[in-house]
Amino acid sequence: MPCTRMPLLLALLAALMLGPAERAAAGTAIGESIWDRQNARERALQSVPAGAQILNSDCQTVEVGTGNFRYICRITYGDPAPQPQVPSR
C-alpha cells in the first residue's frame, strides 16, 4: 500500500473506532459494508430519521488488505421541510 494512502486509511479507521459506526454526529449517518457501495449506503440510510432531507451522500472505497475492500458511505441530512399549517375551523 502506498504511503500516501496510509493517512487516509488511518483517519477513516480512527473515525469508525471513536464513535458508533452507524451515526457519527448529529445530522450525519455512516454505513459500512464489505459487499458494495450500495449496501453501505443502505446501511447509512437506516440511521437517518424519518422525514429528514438528504443533503449529501459520499461513498469511499478503502483497501484494507490485498484485494480486500471496505465501502464506507456518509449521509448528511437536515431537518424535514416545515409542513404548511392548515387552519382549523
N, C-alpha and C. Protein backbone atom coordinates (compact mmCIF):
# COMPACT_ATOMS: atom_id res chain seq x y z
N MET A 1 0.85 -1.17 0.00
CA MET A 1 0.00 0.00 0.00
C MET A 1 0.89 1.23 0.00
N PRO A 2 0.65 2.18 -0.92
CA PRO A 2 1.49 3.37 -0.97
C PRO A 2 1.36 4.18 0.32
N CYS A 3 2.42 4.85 0.69
CA CYS A 3 2.44 5.65 1.91
C CYS A 3 1.46 6.81 1.86
N THR A 4 1.11 7.30 0.66
CA THR A 4 0.20 8.44 0.56
C THR A 4 -1.22 8.05 0.95
N ARG A 5 -1.59 6.78 0.88
CA ARG A 5 -2.93 6.34 1.22
C ARG A 5 -3.04 5.95 2.70
N MET A 6 -1.93 5.74 3.36
CA MET A 6 -1.95 5.31 4.75
C MET A 6 -2.62 6.32 5.68
N PRO A 7 -2.33 7.65 5.58
CA PRO A 7 -3.01 8.59 6.48
C PRO A 7 -4.53 8.59 6.30
N LEU A 8 -5.02 8.45 5.07
CA LEU A 8 -6.46 8.40 4.83
C LEU A 8 -7.06 7.16 5.47
N LEU A 9 -6.41 6.04 5.31
CA LEU A 9 -6.90 4.80 5.90
C LEU A 9 -6.91 4.90 7.42
N LEU A 10 -5.87 5.44 8.02
CA LEU A 10 -5.81 5.59 9.47
C LEU A 10 -6.88 6.54 9.98
N ALA A 11 -7.12 7.63 9.25
CA ALA A 11 -8.16 8.59 9.66
C ALA A 11 -9.54 7.95 9.60
N LEU A 12 -9.81 7.19 8.55
CA LEU A 12 -11.12 6.53 8.43
C LEU A 12 -11.31 5.48 9.52
N LEU A 13 -10.29 4.70 9.78
CA LEU A 13 -10.40 3.68 10.82
C LEU A 13 -10.55 4.31 12.20
N ALA A 14 -9.85 5.41 12.46
CA ALA A 14 -9.98 6.11 13.74
C ALA A 14 -11.39 6.67 13.91
N ALA A 15 -11.95 7.23 12.85
CA ALA A 15 -13.31 7.78 12.92
C ALA A 15 -14.32 6.69 13.21
N LEU A 16 -14.11 5.53 12.64
CA LEU A 16 -15.04 4.42 12.87
C LEU A 16 -14.91 3.86 14.28
N MET A 17 -13.71 3.89 14.84
CA MET A 17 -13.49 3.31 16.16
C MET A 17 -13.87 4.25 17.29
N LEU A 18 -13.79 5.57 17.07
CA LEU A 18 -14.04 6.53 18.13
C LEU A 18 -15.51 6.75 18.43
N GLY A 19 -16.39 6.46 17.48
CA GLY A 19 -17.81 6.67 17.68
C GLY A 19 -18.59 5.52 17.10
N PRO A 20 -19.89 5.49 17.36
CA PRO A 20 -20.71 4.43 16.78
C PRO A 20 -20.60 4.45 15.26
N ALA A 21 -20.48 3.29 14.67
CA ALA A 21 -20.29 3.20 13.22
C ALA A 21 -21.51 3.67 12.44
N GLU A 22 -22.68 3.57 13.01
CA GLU A 22 -23.87 3.93 12.27
C GLU A 22 -24.21 5.41 12.35
N ARG A 23 -23.78 6.11 13.38
CA ARG A 23 -24.09 7.52 13.49
C ARG A 23 -22.88 8.24 14.06
N ALA A 24 -22.25 9.11 13.28
CA ALA A 24 -21.04 9.78 13.73
C ALA A 24 -21.32 11.06 14.50
N ALA A 25 -22.31 11.83 14.07
CA ALA A 25 -22.65 13.09 14.73
C ALA A 25 -24.05 13.48 14.31
N ALA A 26 -24.60 14.47 14.96
CA ALA A 26 -25.94 14.94 14.61
C ALA A 26 -25.94 15.39 13.15
N GLY A 27 -26.90 14.92 12.41
CA GLY A 27 -27.00 15.30 11.01
C GLY A 27 -26.16 14.45 10.08
N THR A 28 -25.50 13.42 10.60
CA THR A 28 -24.65 12.56 9.78
C THR A 28 -24.90 11.10 10.14
N ALA A 29 -24.99 10.27 9.13
CA ALA A 29 -25.12 8.83 9.34
C ALA A 29 -24.05 8.15 8.50
N ILE A 30 -23.41 7.13 9.07
CA ILE A 30 -22.35 6.41 8.37
C ILE A 30 -22.71 4.94 8.31
N GLY A 31 -22.55 4.37 7.13
CA GLY A 31 -22.76 2.95 6.94
C GLY A 31 -21.52 2.33 6.33
N GLU A 32 -21.28 1.09 6.66
CA GLU A 32 -20.07 0.41 6.22
C GLU A 32 -20.46 -0.98 5.72
N SER A 33 -19.77 -1.46 4.69
CA SER A 33 -20.07 -2.78 4.14
C SER A 33 -18.83 -3.39 3.52
N ILE A 34 -18.79 -4.71 3.53
CA ILE A 34 -17.74 -5.42 2.81
C ILE A 34 -18.25 -5.85 1.44
N TRP A 35 -19.54 -5.64 1.16
CA TRP A 35 -20.13 -6.14 -0.10
C TRP A 35 -20.00 -5.15 -1.23
N ASP A 36 -20.59 -3.95 -1.09
CA ASP A 36 -20.52 -2.94 -2.14
C ASP A 36 -20.99 -1.59 -1.60
N ARG A 37 -20.85 -0.55 -2.44
CA ARG A 37 -21.23 0.80 -2.03
C ARG A 37 -22.72 0.91 -1.76
N GLN A 38 -23.53 0.27 -2.58
CA GLN A 38 -24.97 0.35 -2.40
C GLN A 38 -25.38 -0.19 -1.03
N ASN A 39 -24.78 -1.28 -0.60
CA ASN A 39 -25.09 -1.85 0.70
C ASN A 39 -24.65 -0.90 1.82
N ALA A 40 -23.51 -0.27 1.66
CA ALA A 40 -23.04 0.69 2.67
C ALA A 40 -23.98 1.89 2.73
N ARG A 41 -24.46 2.35 1.57
CA ARG A 41 -25.40 3.48 1.54
C ARG A 41 -26.72 3.11 2.21
N GLU A 42 -27.22 1.92 1.93
CA GLU A 42 -28.47 1.47 2.55
C GLU A 42 -28.33 1.39 4.07
N ARG A 43 -27.18 0.94 4.54
CA ARG A 43 -26.95 0.87 5.99
C ARG A 43 -26.93 2.26 6.61
N ALA A 44 -26.33 3.21 5.92
CA ALA A 44 -26.31 4.59 6.43
C ALA A 44 -27.73 5.16 6.45
N LEU A 45 -28.51 4.90 5.41
CA LEU A 45 -29.87 5.43 5.33
C LEU A 45 -30.75 4.89 6.46
N GLN A 46 -30.44 3.72 7.00
CA GLN A 46 -31.22 3.17 8.10
C GLN A 46 -31.12 4.03 9.35
N SER A 47 -30.08 4.84 9.46
CA SER A 47 -29.88 5.69 10.64
C SER A 47 -30.43 7.10 10.46
N VAL A 48 -30.92 7.42 9.26
CA VAL A 48 -31.47 8.75 9.00
C VAL A 48 -32.89 8.80 9.55
N PRO A 49 -33.22 9.83 10.35
CA PRO A 49 -34.57 9.92 10.89
C PRO A 49 -35.62 10.04 9.79
N ALA A 50 -36.81 9.51 10.05
CA ALA A 50 -37.90 9.57 9.08
C ALA A 50 -38.23 11.03 8.77
N GLY A 51 -38.38 11.33 7.51
CA GLY A 51 -38.74 12.67 7.07
C GLY A 51 -37.58 13.63 6.90
N ALA A 52 -36.38 13.23 7.29
CA ALA A 52 -35.22 14.12 7.16
C ALA A 52 -34.87 14.29 5.69
N GLN A 53 -34.34 15.45 5.36
CA GLN A 53 -33.90 15.72 3.99
C GLN A 53 -32.45 15.28 3.83
N ILE A 54 -32.19 14.50 2.79
CA ILE A 54 -30.82 14.09 2.48
C ILE A 54 -30.13 15.27 1.80
N LEU A 55 -29.06 15.75 2.39
CA LEU A 55 -28.34 16.90 1.84
C LEU A 55 -27.14 16.48 1.00
N ASN A 56 -26.49 15.38 1.39
CA ASN A 56 -25.29 14.95 0.68
C ASN A 56 -25.05 13.47 0.94
N SER A 57 -24.48 12.81 -0.04
CA SER A 57 -24.12 11.40 0.10
C SER A 57 -22.73 11.23 -0.48
N ASP A 58 -21.83 10.67 0.31
CA ASP A 58 -20.46 10.49 -0.14
C ASP A 58 -19.99 9.09 0.23
N CYS A 59 -19.55 8.33 -0.75
CA CYS A 59 -19.09 6.96 -0.51
C CYS A 59 -17.63 6.84 -0.94
N GLN A 60 -16.89 6.06 -0.16
CA GLN A 60 -15.48 5.82 -0.47
C GLN A 60 -15.19 4.33 -0.40
N THR A 61 -14.23 3.93 -1.17
CA THR A 61 -13.74 2.56 -1.14
C THR A 61 -12.35 2.58 -0.54
N VAL A 62 -12.16 1.77 0.51
CA VAL A 62 -10.87 1.73 1.20
C VAL A 62 -10.33 0.31 1.10
N GLU A 63 -9.09 0.18 0.61
CA GLU A 63 -8.45 -1.13 0.56
C GLU A 63 -7.88 -1.43 1.94
N VAL A 64 -8.33 -2.53 2.53
CA VAL A 64 -7.88 -2.89 3.88
C VAL A 64 -6.94 -4.09 3.86
N GLY A 65 -6.56 -4.51 2.71
CA GLY A 65 -5.64 -5.63 2.52
C GLY A 65 -5.59 -5.92 1.04
N THR A 66 -4.69 -6.73 0.63
CA THR A 66 -4.55 -7.03 -0.78
C THR A 66 -5.84 -7.66 -1.30
N GLY A 67 -6.53 -6.92 -2.16
CA GLY A 67 -7.77 -7.41 -2.75
C GLY A 67 -8.97 -7.37 -1.82
N ASN A 68 -8.83 -6.81 -0.63
CA ASN A 68 -9.95 -6.69 0.31
C ASN A 68 -10.33 -5.23 0.45
N PHE A 69 -11.63 -4.96 0.29
CA PHE A 69 -12.09 -3.59 0.30
C PHE A 69 -13.19 -3.41 1.34
N ARG A 70 -13.29 -2.20 1.85
CA ARG A 70 -14.36 -1.80 2.77
C ARG A 70 -15.00 -0.58 2.12
N TYR A 71 -16.32 -0.57 2.07
CA TYR A 71 -17.06 0.52 1.48
C TYR A 71 -17.70 1.32 2.61
N ILE A 72 -17.47 2.63 2.61
CA ILE A 72 -17.95 3.49 3.67
C ILE A 72 -18.73 4.65 3.04
N CYS A 73 -19.99 4.82 3.48
CA CYS A 73 -20.82 5.91 2.98
C CYS A 73 -21.24 6.81 4.12
N ARG A 74 -21.18 8.10 3.88
CA ARG A 74 -21.60 9.10 4.85
C ARG A 74 -22.78 9.86 4.23
N ILE A 75 -23.88 9.89 4.95
CA ILE A 75 -25.07 10.62 4.53
C ILE A 75 -25.21 11.82 5.45
N THR A 76 -25.31 13.00 4.88
CA THR A 76 -25.57 14.21 5.65
C THR A 76 -27.03 14.56 5.45
N TYR A 77 -27.74 14.80 6.56
CA TYR A 77 -29.17 15.10 6.46
C TYR A 77 -29.51 16.32 7.30
N GLY A 78 -30.64 16.91 6.96
CA GLY A 78 -31.13 18.08 7.69
C GLY A 78 -32.53 17.82 8.19
N ASP A 79 -33.04 18.79 8.91
CA ASP A 79 -34.40 18.68 9.43
C ASP A 79 -35.39 18.58 8.27
N PRO A 80 -36.53 17.93 8.51
CA PRO A 80 -37.53 17.86 7.46
C PRO A 80 -38.04 19.27 7.12
N ALA A 81 -38.47 19.42 5.89
CA ALA A 81 -39.04 20.70 5.48
C ALA A 81 -40.30 20.97 6.30
N PRO A 82 -40.48 22.21 6.73
CA PRO A 82 -41.67 22.50 7.53
C PRO A 82 -42.94 22.28 6.70
N GLN A 83 -43.92 21.68 7.34
CA GLN A 83 -45.20 21.42 6.67
C GLN A 83 -46.10 22.64 6.86
N PRO A 84 -46.82 23.04 5.82
CA PRO A 84 -47.71 24.20 5.97
C PRO A 84 -48.80 23.90 7.00
N GLN A 85 -49.09 24.88 7.81
CA GLN A 85 -50.14 24.76 8.82
C GLN A 85 -51.50 24.91 8.16
N VAL A 86 -52.38 23.97 8.43
CA VAL A 86 -53.75 24.05 7.92
C VAL A 86 -54.60 24.66 9.02
N PRO A 87 -55.24 25.81 8.70
CA PRO A 87 -56.05 26.44 9.74
C PRO A 87 -57.21 25.53 10.16
N SER A 88 -57.45 25.46 11.46
CA SER A 88 -58.57 24.67 11.94
C SER A 88 -59.78 25.56 12.10
N ARG A 89 -60.94 25.00 11.90
CA ARG A 89 -62.17 25.80 11.98
C ARG A 89 -62.86 25.59 13.28
